[in-house]
Amino acid sequence: MKFCWTTIAVNNMEESLEFYQGIVGLSVSSKIALGPGAEIAFLGEGETKVELICDPNLEVPGRLEGISMGFEVDSLDEKLQFVQSKGLAIDGGPFQPNPHVKFFYVRDPNGVRIQFVENL
């Protein structure tokens, strides 16, 4: 079995695309119009894929608890400085639970917890 993607229902497609492209660093691989005001965007390539769905007929939950998506970075310190320079609040960390990994969290525009991880 192969994992395909993570789907996130979003309130504002442009705001979410700005976050996942500009902050996370994923590129848009395709966009599909579903009808008036509704669309899907796929981001990422290879094994890292995120699907964003914006549809005024879908109820988008508020802040999600117990779910996070992790993205590996080359330098956690550089990523931390970058997200802070963009005005994003740090939602947790940075943490270093052992000598091999360190990470911190932010929230995407839809309340999904995003983890940036550096493997040491």
C-alpha atoms as a PDB file:
ATOM      1  CA  MET A   1       0.000   0.000   0.000  1.00  0.00           C
ATOM      2  CA  LYS A   2       1.184   3.513  -0.810  1.00  0.00           C
ATOM      3  CA  PHE A   3       0.118   6.726   0.926  1.00  0.00           C
ATOM      4  CA  CYS A   4      -1.266   9.157  -1.666  1.00  0.00           C
ATOM      5  CA  TRP A   5      -1.918  12.562  -0.038  1.00  0.00           C
ATOM      6  CA  THR A   6      -3.409  14.473   2.861  1.00  0.00           C
ATOM      7  CA  THR A   7      -6.617  16.412   2.143  1.00  0.00           C
ATOM      8  CA  ILE A   8      -7.415  19.681   3.890  1.00  0.00           C
ATOM      9  CA  ALA A   9     -10.711  21.557   3.512  1.00  0.00           C
ATOM     10  CA  VAL A  10      -9.886  25.265   3.384  1.00  0.00           C
ATOM     11  CA  ASN A  11     -11.875  28.487   3.716  1.00  0.00           C
ATOM     12  CA  ASN A  12      -9.678  30.533   1.394  1.00  0.00           C
ATOM     13  CA  MET A  13      -7.738  28.831  -1.401  1.00  0.00           C
ATOM     14  CA  GLU A  14      -5.393  31.738  -2.117  1.00  0.00           C
ATOM     15  CA  GLU A  15      -4.456  32.187   1.546  1.00  0.00           C
ATOM     16  CA  SER A  16      -3.821  28.445   1.899  1.00  0.00           C
ATOM     17  CA  LEU A  17      -1.800  28.288  -1.327  1.00  0.00           C
ATOM     18  CA  GLU A  18       0.304  31.212  -0.117  1.00  0.00           C
ATOM     19  CA  PHE A  19       1.057  29.330   3.112  1.00  0.00           C
ATOM     20  CA  TYR A  20       1.843  25.948   1.555  1.00  0.00           C
ATOM     21  CA  GLN A  21       3.885  27.454  -1.273  1.00  0.00           C
ATOM     22  CA  GLY A  22       5.581  30.336   0.537  1.00  0.00           C
ATOM     23  CA  ILE A  23       6.055  28.915   4.042  1.00  0.00           C
ATOM     24  CA  VAL A  24       6.189  25.139   3.561  1.00  0.00           C
ATOM     25  CA  GLY A  25       7.816  25.280   0.109  1.00  0.00           C
ATOM     26  CA  LEU A  26       5.479  23.023  -1.868  1.00  0.00           C
ATOM     27  CA  SER A  27       4.731  23.743  -5.520  1.00  0.00           C
ATOM     28  CA  VAL A  28       1.302  23.429  -7.130  1.00  0.00           C
ATOM     29  CA  SER A  29       1.181  20.333  -9.318  1.00  0.00           C
ATOM     30  CA  SER A  30      -2.430  20.777 -10.490  1.00  0.00           C
ATOM     31  CA  LYS A  31      -5.623  22.746  -9.944  1.00  0.00           C
ATOM     32  CA  ILE A  32      -9.146  21.604 -10.774  1.00  0.00           C
ATOM     33  CA  ALA A  33     -12.246  23.813 -10.900  1.00  0.00           C
ATOM     34  CA  LEU A  34     -15.246  22.066  -9.335  1.00  0.00           C
ATOM     35  CA  GLY A  35     -17.888  24.692 -10.019  1.00  0.00           C
ATOM     36  CA  PRO A  36     -18.801  28.181  -8.815  1.00  0.00           C
ATOM     37  CA  GLY A  37     -16.369  29.111  -6.043  1.00  0.00           C
ATOM     38  CA  ALA A  38     -15.099  25.547  -5.599  1.00  0.00           C
ATOM     39  CA  GLU A  39     -11.700  24.165  -6.539  1.00  0.00           C
ATOM     40  CA  ILE A  40      -9.048  21.605  -5.661  1.00  0.00           C
ATOM     41  CA  ALA A  41      -5.302  22.172  -5.686  1.00  0.00           C
ATOM     42  CA  PHE A  42      -2.645  19.479  -5.381  1.00  0.00           C
ATOM     43  CA  LEU A  43       0.739  20.534  -4.051  1.00  0.00           C
ATOM     44  CA  GLY A  44       4.030  18.698  -3.791  1.00  0.00           C
ATOM     45  CA  GLU A  45       5.654  15.920  -5.719  1.00  0.00           C
ATOM     46  CA  GLY A  46       7.031  12.475  -5.088  1.00  0.00           C
ATOM     47  CA  GLU A  47       5.917  11.138  -1.732  1.00  0.00           C
ATOM     48  CA  THR A  48       4.945  14.542  -0.306  1.00  0.00           C
ATOM     49  CA  LYS A  49       1.492  15.579  -1.525  1.00  0.00           C
ATOM     50  CA  VAL A  50      -1.177  17.820  -0.054  1.00  0.00           C
ATOM     51  CA  GLU A  51      -4.669  18.304  -1.494  1.00  0.00           C
ATOM     52  CA  LEU A  52      -6.509  21.525  -0.693  1.00  0.00           C
ATOM     53  CA  ILE A  53     -10.265  21.663  -1.270  1.00  0.00           C
ATOM     54  CA  CYS A  54     -12.127  24.953  -1.207  1.00  0.00           C
ATOM     55  CA  ASP A  55     -15.890  24.597  -1.557  1.00  0.00           C
ATOM     56  CA  PRO A  56     -18.437  26.987  -0.081  1.00  0.00           C
ATOM     57  CA  ASN A  57     -20.741  23.990   0.471  1.00  0.00           C
ATOM     58  CA  LEU A  58     -18.233  22.261   2.781  1.00  0.00           C
ATOM     59  CA  GLU A  59     -18.031  23.032   6.469  1.00  0.00           C
ATOM     60  CA  VAL A  60     -14.419  23.697   7.404  1.00  0.00           C
ATOM     61  CA  PRO A  61     -13.645  22.731  11.007  1.00  0.00           C
ATOM     62  CA  GLY A  62     -11.872  25.217  13.260  1.00  0.00           C
ATOM     63  CA  ARG A  63      -8.563  24.591  14.960  1.00  0.00           C
ATOM     64  CA  LEU A  64      -7.758  20.895  14.671  1.00  0.00           C
ATOM     65  CA  GLU A  65      -6.275  19.084  17.638  1.00  0.00           C
ATOM     66  CA  GLY A  66      -4.416  15.784  17.623  1.00  0.00           C
ATOM     67  CA  ILE A  67      -3.366  15.978  13.961  1.00  0.00           C
ATOM     68  CA  SER A  68      -0.190  17.463  12.528  1.00  0.00           C
ATOM     69  CA  MET A  69       1.752  17.269   9.293  1.00  0.00           C
ATOM     70  CA  GLY A  70       5.547  17.165   9.444  1.00  0.00           C
ATOM     71  CA  PHE A  71       7.963  18.563   6.884  1.00  0.00           C
ATOM     72  CA  GLU A  72      11.715  17.991   7.022  1.00  0.00           C
ATOM     73  CA  VAL A  73      13.998  21.025   6.697  1.00  0.00           C
ATOM     74  CA  ASP A  74      17.765  21.318   6.297  1.00  0.00           C
ATOM     75  CA  SER A  75      18.145  23.911   9.071  1.00  0.00           C
ATOM     76  CA  LEU A  76      15.561  24.324  11.812  1.00  0.00           C
ATOM     77  CA  ASP A  77      17.147  27.574  12.980  1.00  0.00           C
ATOM     78  CA  GLU A  78      16.855  29.096   9.491  1.00  0.00           C
ATOM     79  CA  LYS A  79      13.237  27.927   9.131  1.00  0.00           C
ATOM     80  CA  LEU A  80      12.379  29.337  12.556  1.00  0.00           C
ATOM     81  CA  GLN A  81      13.831  32.731  11.625  1.00  0.00           C
ATOM     82  CA  PHE A  82      12.007  32.607   8.268  1.00  0.00           C
ATOM     83  CA  VAL A  83       8.534  31.866   9.690  1.00  0.00           C
ATOM     84  CA  GLN A  84       8.996  34.498  12.401  1.00  0.00           C
ATOM     85  CA  SER A  85      10.005  37.050   9.737  1.00  0.00           C
ATOM     86  CA  LYS A  86       6.666  36.278   8.013  1.00  0.00           C
ATOM     87  CA  GLY A  87       4.802  37.087  11.221  1.00  0.00           C
ATOM     88  CA  LEU A  88       3.691  33.543  12.011  1.00  0.00           C
ATOM     89  CA  ALA A  89       3.235  32.592  15.639  1.00  0.00           C
ATOM     90  CA  ILE A  90       5.149  29.558  16.878  1.00  0.00           C
ATOM     91  CA  ASP A  91       2.594  27.023  18.158  1.00  0.00           C
ATOM     92  CA  GLY A  92       5.126  24.903  20.050  1.00  0.00           C
ATOM     93  CA  GLY A  93       8.856  24.486  20.437  1.00  0.00           C
ATOM     94  CA  PRO A  94      11.464  24.408  19.354  1.00  0.00           C
ATOM     95  CA  PHE A  95      11.943  21.026  21.004  1.00  0.00           C
ATOM     96  CA  GLN A  96      14.880  18.618  20.944  1.00  0.00           C
ATOM     97  CA  PRO A  97      13.681  15.391  22.602  1.00  0.00           C
ATOM     98  CA  ASN A  98      16.894  13.546  21.771  1.00  0.00           C
ATOM     99  CA  PRO A  99      20.268  14.252  20.096  1.00  0.00           C
ATOM    100  CA  HIS A 100      18.937  13.188  16.670  1.00  0.00           C
ATOM    101  CA  VAL A 101      15.958  15.472  16.045  1.00  0.00           C
ATOM    102  CA  LYS A 102      14.611  18.927  16.755  1.00  0.00           C
ATOM    103  CA  PHE A 103      11.350  20.545  15.666  1.00  0.00           C
ATOM    104  CA  PHE A 104       8.757  23.292  16.123  1.00  0.00           C
ATOM    105  CA  TYR A 105       5.128  23.865  15.154  1.00  0.00           C
ATOM    106  CA  VAL A 106       3.081  26.573  13.448  1.00  0.00           C
ATOM    107  CA  ARG A 107      -0.584  26.572  12.364  1.00  0.00           C
ATOM    108  CA  ASP A 108      -1.711  26.849   8.769  1.00  0.00           C
ATOM    109  CA  PRO A 109      -4.521  29.332   7.946  1.00  0.00           C
ATOM    110  CA  ASN A 110      -7.082  26.578   8.623  1.00  0.00           C
ATOM    111  CA  GLY A 111      -5.806  25.554  12.056  1.00  0.00           C
ATOM    112  CA  VAL A 112      -3.819  22.495  10.956  1.00  0.00           C
ATOM    113  CA  ARG A 113      -0.671  22.052  13.027  1.00  0.00           C
ATOM    114  CA  ILE A 114       2.444  22.031  10.824  1.00  0.00           C
ATOM    115  CA  GLN A 115       5.696  20.607  12.198  1.00  0.00           C
ATOM    116  CA  PHE A 116       9.087  21.557  10.779  1.00  0.00           C
ATOM    117  CA  VAL A 117      11.700  18.915  11.627  1.00  0.00           C
ATOM    118  CA  GLU A 118      15.475  18.784  11.357  1.00  0.00           C
ATOM    119  CA  ASN A 119      17.049  15.347  11.565  1.00  0.00           C
ATOM    120  CA  LEU A 120      20.502  15.773  13.075  1.00  0.00           C
END
